[in-house]
Amino acid sequence: MGTDLATVMLGAEIADLKDIDYRNTLAICTLIELLCDRGLICREDFAAKARALDLAAEPADQARS
């Protein structure tokens, strides 16, 4: 019975994390939209910076594997 409760608890924690992830993603998207709408950044610059940061992080990601 303890295992069943642990499984339910784990499922609830995963659901909570999904909700938190959704809210964080929504907040980030909202900020990006507002910055673009106000002309403070453009989508192309944002995308280029994201690609550059992703490429810079790759060696660190490979080192952890």
N, C-alpha and C. Protein backbone atom coordinates (compact mmCIF):
# COMPACT_ATOMS: atom_id res chain seq x y z
N MET A 1 0.81 -1.19 0.00
CA MET A 1 0.00 0.00 0.00
C MET A 1 0.86 1.26 0.00
N GLY A 2 1.99 1.23 0.69
CA GLY A 2 2.88 2.37 0.72
C GLY A 2 3.38 2.74 -0.67
N THR A 3 3.59 1.73 -1.50
CA THR A 3 4.06 1.98 -2.86
C THR A 3 2.98 2.69 -3.67
N ASP A 4 1.73 2.32 -3.48
CA ASP A 4 0.63 2.98 -4.19
C ASP A 4 0.55 4.46 -3.81
N LEU A 5 0.71 4.75 -2.53
CA LEU A 5 0.68 6.14 -2.07
C LEU A 5 1.86 6.91 -2.63
N ALA A 6 3.02 6.28 -2.66
CA ALA A 6 4.21 6.94 -3.21
C ALA A 6 4.02 7.25 -4.68
N THR A 7 3.38 6.35 -5.40
CA THR A 7 3.12 6.56 -6.83
C THR A 7 2.17 7.73 -7.02
N VAL A 8 1.13 7.80 -6.21
CA VAL A 8 0.17 8.90 -6.29
C VAL A 8 0.86 10.22 -5.96
N MET A 9 1.69 10.22 -4.92
CA MET A 9 2.41 11.43 -4.51
C MET A 9 3.35 11.89 -5.62
N LEU A 10 4.04 10.95 -6.24
CA LEU A 10 4.94 11.29 -7.34
C LEU A 10 4.17 11.89 -8.50
N GLY A 11 3.03 11.32 -8.82
CA GLY A 11 2.19 11.86 -9.88
C GLY A 11 1.73 13.27 -9.58
N ALA A 12 1.39 13.53 -8.33
CA ALA A 12 0.96 14.87 -7.93
C ALA A 12 2.11 15.86 -8.04
N GLU A 13 3.31 15.44 -7.65
CA GLU A 13 4.48 16.32 -7.76
C GLU A 13 4.78 16.64 -9.22
N ILE A 14 4.67 15.65 -10.08
CA ILE A 14 4.91 15.87 -11.51
C ILE A 14 3.87 16.84 -12.07
N ALA A 15 2.62 16.70 -11.67
CA ALA A 15 1.57 17.62 -12.11
C ALA A 15 1.87 19.04 -11.65
N ASP A 16 2.34 19.18 -10.42
CA ASP A 16 2.71 20.51 -9.90
C ASP A 16 3.85 21.11 -10.72
N LEU A 17 4.85 20.30 -11.04
CA LEU A 17 5.98 20.79 -11.83
C LEU A 17 5.54 21.20 -13.23
N LYS A 18 4.62 20.46 -13.82
CA LYS A 18 4.10 20.82 -15.13
C LYS A 18 3.39 22.16 -15.08
N ASP A 19 2.62 22.38 -14.02
CA ASP A 19 1.90 23.65 -13.86
C ASP A 19 2.89 24.80 -13.69
N ILE A 20 3.91 24.60 -12.87
CA ILE A 20 4.94 25.63 -12.66
C ILE A 20 5.66 25.92 -13.97
N ASP A 21 6.00 24.88 -14.71
CA ASP A 21 6.68 25.05 -16.00
C ASP A 21 5.81 25.85 -16.96
N TYR A 22 4.51 25.53 -17.03
CA TYR A 22 3.59 26.26 -17.90
C TYR A 22 3.54 27.73 -17.52
N ARG A 23 3.42 28.02 -16.24
CA ARG A 23 3.33 29.42 -15.78
C ARG A 23 4.62 30.18 -16.06
N ASN A 24 5.76 29.54 -15.86
CA ASN A 24 7.04 30.19 -16.16
C ASN A 24 7.17 30.46 -17.66
N THR A 25 6.80 29.49 -18.47
CA THR A 25 6.86 29.67 -19.92
C THR A 25 5.93 30.78 -20.36
N LEU A 26 4.73 30.83 -19.80
CA LEU A 26 3.78 31.88 -20.13
C LEU A 26 4.34 33.25 -19.75
N ALA A 27 4.95 33.37 -18.59
CA ALA A 27 5.53 34.64 -18.15
C ALA A 27 6.65 35.08 -19.09
N ILE A 28 7.51 34.15 -19.48
CA ILE A 28 8.61 34.49 -20.39
C ILE A 28 8.06 34.93 -21.75
N CYS A 29 7.10 34.21 -22.28
CA CYS A 29 6.51 34.57 -23.57
C CYS A 29 5.83 35.94 -23.50
N THR A 30 5.17 36.21 -22.39
CA THR A 30 4.52 37.50 -22.21
C THR A 30 5.56 38.63 -22.21
N LEU A 31 6.65 38.44 -21.48
CA LEU A 31 7.70 39.45 -21.45
C LEU A 31 8.30 39.68 -22.83
N ILE A 32 8.56 38.62 -23.56
CA ILE A 32 9.12 38.75 -24.90
C ILE A 32 8.15 39.52 -25.80
N GLU A 33 6.87 39.16 -25.74
CA GLU A 33 5.87 39.86 -26.55
C GLU A 33 5.82 41.34 -26.23
N LEU A 34 5.82 41.68 -24.95
CA LEU A 34 5.78 43.09 -24.54
C LEU A 34 7.02 43.84 -25.01
N LEU A 35 8.18 43.24 -24.86
CA LEU A 35 9.41 43.88 -25.31
C LEU A 35 9.42 44.10 -26.82
N CYS A 36 8.92 43.12 -27.56
CA CYS A 36 8.83 43.26 -29.02
C CYS A 36 7.80 44.32 -29.40
N ASP A 37 6.64 44.27 -28.76
CA ASP A 37 5.58 45.24 -29.07
C ASP A 37 6.03 46.68 -28.82
N ARG A 38 6.86 46.88 -27.81
CA ARG A 38 7.33 48.22 -27.47
C ARG A 38 8.59 48.61 -28.21
N GLY A 39 9.05 47.73 -29.07
CA GLY A 39 10.21 48.04 -29.89
C GLY A 39 11.54 48.00 -29.14
N LEU A 40 11.55 47.39 -27.98
CA LEU A 40 12.79 47.31 -27.21
C LEU A 40 13.72 46.20 -27.70
N ILE A 41 13.13 45.16 -28.25
CA ILE A 41 13.90 44.09 -28.89
C ILE A 41 13.15 43.67 -30.14
N CYS A 42 13.84 43.00 -31.04
CA CYS A 42 13.14 42.42 -32.20
C CYS A 42 13.31 40.90 -32.12
N ARG A 43 12.37 40.22 -32.72
CA ARG A 43 12.36 38.76 -32.65
C ARG A 43 13.63 38.15 -33.22
N GLU A 44 14.14 38.74 -34.31
CA GLU A 44 15.34 38.19 -34.93
C GLU A 44 16.54 38.27 -33.98
N ASP A 45 16.70 39.41 -33.30
CA ASP A 45 17.79 39.54 -32.34
C ASP A 45 17.63 38.56 -31.19
N PHE A 46 16.40 38.41 -30.73
CA PHE A 46 16.13 37.48 -29.64
C PHE A 46 16.48 36.05 -30.05
N ALA A 47 16.04 35.66 -31.25
CA ALA A 47 16.31 34.30 -31.75
C ALA A 47 17.81 34.08 -31.93
N ALA A 48 18.52 35.08 -32.44
CA ALA A 48 19.97 34.95 -32.65
C ALA A 48 20.68 34.79 -31.31
N LYS A 49 20.28 35.56 -30.32
CA LYS A 49 20.91 35.48 -29.00
C LYS A 49 20.62 34.12 -28.36
N ALA A 50 19.40 33.64 -28.51
CA ALA A 50 19.04 32.33 -27.96
C ALA A 50 19.88 31.23 -28.59
N ARG A 51 20.07 31.29 -29.91
CA ARG A 51 20.91 30.30 -30.59
C ARG A 51 22.34 30.37 -30.09
N ALA A 52 22.87 31.59 -29.94
CA ALA A 52 24.25 31.75 -29.47
C ALA A 52 24.42 31.19 -28.06
N LEU A 53 23.47 31.48 -27.18
CA LEU A 53 23.55 30.96 -25.82
C LEU A 53 23.43 29.44 -25.79
N ASP A 54 22.58 28.91 -26.65
CA ASP A 54 22.41 27.46 -26.72
C ASP A 54 23.69 26.79 -27.19
N LEU A 55 24.32 27.37 -28.21
CA LEU A 55 25.58 26.81 -28.71
C LEU A 55 26.69 26.91 -27.66
N ALA A 56 26.71 28.01 -26.92
CA ALA A 56 27.72 28.19 -25.88
C ALA A 56 27.53 27.20 -24.74
N ALA A 57 26.30 26.78 -24.50
CA ALA A 57 26.01 25.85 -23.42
C ALA A 57 26.27 24.41 -23.80
N GLU A 58 26.36 24.11 -25.09
CA GLU A 58 26.54 22.72 -25.54
C GLU A 58 27.76 22.04 -24.95
N PRO A 59 28.94 22.67 -24.94
CA PRO A 59 30.10 21.96 -24.36
C PRO A 59 29.87 21.60 -22.89
N ALA A 60 29.21 22.47 -22.14
CA ALA A 60 28.93 22.18 -20.74
C ALA A 60 27.94 21.02 -20.63
N ASP A 61 26.96 21.00 -21.53
CA ASP A 61 25.98 19.90 -21.52
C ASP A 61 26.67 18.57 -21.82
N GLN A 62 27.59 18.57 -22.76
CA GLN A 62 28.30 17.34 -23.14
C GLN A 62 29.21 16.88 -22.00
N ALA A 63 29.80 17.82 -21.27
CA ALA A 63 30.70 17.46 -20.18
C ALA A 63 29.94 16.77 -19.04
N ARG A 64 28.67 17.13 -18.86
CA ARG A 64 27.86 16.51 -17.80
C ARG A 64 27.42 15.12 -18.15
N SER A 65 27.39 14.78 -19.44
CA SER A 65 26.91 13.46 -19.86
C SER A 65 27.90 12.37 -19.59
